């Protein structure tokens, strides 16, 4: 839910970024991915692992969200359309 209200929607690592997972994230520097990762880890260790990458064990360079996630999600959404 964007801003804590409205419809649930899929988290987009690139478009939303980890700031979207933090209610008080608006006060944080959106380019300081390591600080955001540490704050999310403090609140929810499990969520912190997937807040930057949906690939298990993958910690992207400089804690920046991985664009590979969008490629994986596009393939998942397109898979029912393939024969």
C-alpha atoms as a PDB file:
ATOM      1  CA  UNK A   1       0.000   0.000   0.000  1.00  0.00           C
ATOM      2  CA  UNK A   2       1.486   3.301  -1.023  1.00  0.00           C
ATOM      3  CA  UNK A   3       1.677   5.581   2.020  1.00  0.00           C
ATOM      4  CA  UNK A   4      -0.055   2.941   4.144  1.00  0.00           C
ATOM      5  CA  UNK A   5      -3.457   3.177   2.459  1.00  0.00           C
ATOM      6  CA  UNK A   6      -5.217   2.222  -0.753  1.00  0.00           C
ATOM      7  CA  UNK A   7      -4.932  -0.984  -2.706  1.00  0.00           C
ATOM      8  CA  UNK A   8      -2.091  -3.425  -2.219  1.00  0.00           C
ATOM      9  CA  UNK A   9       0.306  -3.525  -5.135  1.00  0.00           C
ATOM     10  CA  UNK A  10       3.515  -5.274  -6.060  1.00  0.00           C
ATOM     11  CA  UNK A  11       6.710  -3.672  -4.771  1.00  0.00           C
ATOM     12  CA  UNK A  12       8.961  -2.496  -7.597  1.00  0.00           C
ATOM     13  CA  UNK A  13      12.597  -2.416  -6.487  1.00  0.00           C
ATOM     14  CA  UNK A  14      13.554   0.267  -9.010  1.00  0.00           C
ATOM     15  CA  UNK A  15      10.443   2.481  -9.266  1.00  0.00           C
ATOM     16  CA  UNK A  16       9.561   2.400  -5.555  1.00  0.00           C
ATOM     17  CA  UNK A  17      12.936   1.813  -3.954  1.00  0.00           C
ATOM     18  CA  UNK A  18      13.449   0.809  -0.340  1.00  0.00           C
ATOM     19  CA  UNK A  19      12.207   4.214   0.855  1.00  0.00           C
ATOM     20  CA  UNK A  20       8.678   3.096  -0.058  1.00  0.00           C
ATOM     21  CA  UNK A  21       8.910   0.348   2.569  1.00  0.00           C
ATOM     22  CA  UNK A  22       9.546   2.828   5.381  1.00  0.00           C
ATOM     23  CA  UNK A  23       6.798   5.060   6.742  1.00  0.00           C
ATOM     24  CA  UNK A  24       9.415   7.429   8.129  1.00  0.00           C
ATOM     25  CA  UNK A  25      11.616   6.975   5.054  1.00  0.00           C
ATOM     26  CA  UNK A  26      10.615  10.342   3.647  1.00  0.00           C
ATOM     27  CA  UNK A  27      13.163  12.018   5.935  1.00  0.00           C
ATOM     28  CA  UNK A  28      15.979   9.810   4.652  1.00  0.00           C
ATOM     29  CA  UNK A  29      18.312  10.494   1.748  1.00  0.00           C
ATOM     30  CA  UNK A  30      16.838   8.448  -1.146  1.00  0.00           C
ATOM     31  CA  UNK A  31      20.359   7.839  -2.482  1.00  0.00           C
ATOM     32  CA  UNK A  32      21.649   6.392   0.824  1.00  0.00           C
ATOM     33  CA  UNK A  33      20.682   2.781   0.155  1.00  0.00           C
ATOM     34  CA  UNK A  34      22.916   1.320   2.858  1.00  0.00           C
ATOM     35  CA  UNK A  35      21.258   3.392   5.610  1.00  0.00           C
ATOM     36  CA  UNK A  36      17.813   2.393   4.332  1.00  0.00           C
ATOM     37  CA  UNK A  37      18.870  -1.273   4.211  1.00  0.00           C
ATOM     38  CA  UNK A  38      20.123  -1.070   7.808  1.00  0.00           C
ATOM     39  CA  UNK A  39      16.903   0.617   8.994  1.00  0.00           C
ATOM     40  CA  UNK A  40      14.752  -2.022   7.281  1.00  0.00           C
ATOM     41  CA  UNK A  41      16.976  -4.779   8.739  1.00  0.00           C
ATOM     42  CA  UNK A  42      16.516  -3.258  12.202  1.00  0.00           C
ATOM     43  CA  UNK A  43      12.722  -3.366  11.797  1.00  0.00           C
ATOM     44  CA  UNK A  44      12.386  -6.612   9.821  1.00  0.00           C
ATOM     45  CA  UNK A  45      15.458  -8.742   9.042  1.00  0.00           C
ATOM     46  CA  UNK A  46      13.536 -10.920   6.575  1.00  0.00           C
ATOM     47  CA  UNK A  47      12.204  -7.937   4.638  1.00  0.00           C
ATOM     48  CA  UNK A  48      15.651  -6.357   4.443  1.00  0.00           C
ATOM     49  CA  UNK A  49      16.953  -9.339   2.496  1.00  0.00           C
ATOM     50  CA  UNK A  50      14.394  -8.891  -0.286  1.00  0.00           C
ATOM     51  CA  UNK A  51      14.090  -5.097  -0.187  1.00  0.00           C
ATOM     52  CA  UNK A  52      17.013  -4.766  -2.603  1.00  0.00           C
ATOM     53  CA  UNK A  53      16.912  -8.060  -4.498  1.00  0.00           C
ATOM     54  CA  UNK A  54      14.486 -10.958  -4.813  1.00  0.00           C
ATOM     55  CA  UNK A  55      17.407 -13.272  -5.587  1.00  0.00           C
ATOM     56  CA  UNK A  56      18.375 -15.194  -2.418  1.00  0.00           C
ATOM     57  CA  UNK A  57      21.805 -14.214  -1.118  1.00  0.00           C
ATOM     58  CA  UNK A  58      22.190 -11.366  -3.609  1.00  0.00           C
ATOM     59  CA  UNK A  59      23.330  -8.074  -2.083  1.00  0.00           C
ATOM     60  CA  UNK A  60      23.655  -5.651  -4.984  1.00  0.00           C
ATOM     61  CA  UNK A  61      26.671  -3.365  -5.266  1.00  0.00           C
ATOM     62  CA  UNK A  62      26.387  -0.362  -2.946  1.00  0.00           C
ATOM     63  CA  UNK A  63      23.014  -1.723  -1.716  1.00  0.00           C
ATOM     64  CA  UNK A  64      21.251  -0.282  -4.777  1.00  0.00           C
ATOM     65  CA  UNK A  65      18.087  -2.140  -5.812  1.00  0.00           C
ATOM     66  CA  UNK A  66      18.826  -4.629  -8.556  1.00  0.00           C
ATOM     67  CA  UNK A  67      17.251  -4.119 -12.001  1.00  0.00           C
ATOM     68  CA  UNK A  68      17.362  -7.909 -12.421  1.00  0.00           C
ATOM     69  CA  UNK A  69      14.203  -8.042 -10.288  1.00  0.00           C
ATOM     70  CA  UNK A  70      12.219  -6.206 -12.967  1.00  0.00           C
ATOM     71  CA  UNK A  71      13.476  -8.623 -15.622  1.00  0.00           C
ATOM     72  CA  UNK A  72      12.451 -11.620 -13.495  1.00  0.00           C
ATOM     73  CA  UNK A  73       8.998 -10.151 -12.795  1.00  0.00           C
ATOM     74  CA  UNK A  74       8.457  -9.368 -16.499  1.00  0.00           C
ATOM     75  CA  UNK A  75       9.297 -12.985 -17.356  1.00  0.00           C
ATOM     76  CA  UNK A  76       6.868 -14.242 -14.704  1.00  0.00           C
ATOM     77  CA  UNK A  77       4.053 -12.008 -16.006  1.00  0.00           C
ATOM     78  CA  UNK A  78       4.766 -13.011 -19.608  1.00  0.00           C
ATOM     79  CA  UNK A  79       5.014 -16.762 -18.905  1.00  0.00           C
ATOM     80  CA  UNK A  80       1.240 -17.491 -19.201  1.00  0.00           C
ATOM     81  CA  UNK A  81       1.288 -15.853 -22.643  1.00  0.00           C
ATOM     82  CA  UNK A  82       3.984 -18.188 -23.943  1.00  0.00           C
ATOM     83  CA  UNK A  83       3.132 -21.529 -25.550  1.00  0.00           C
END
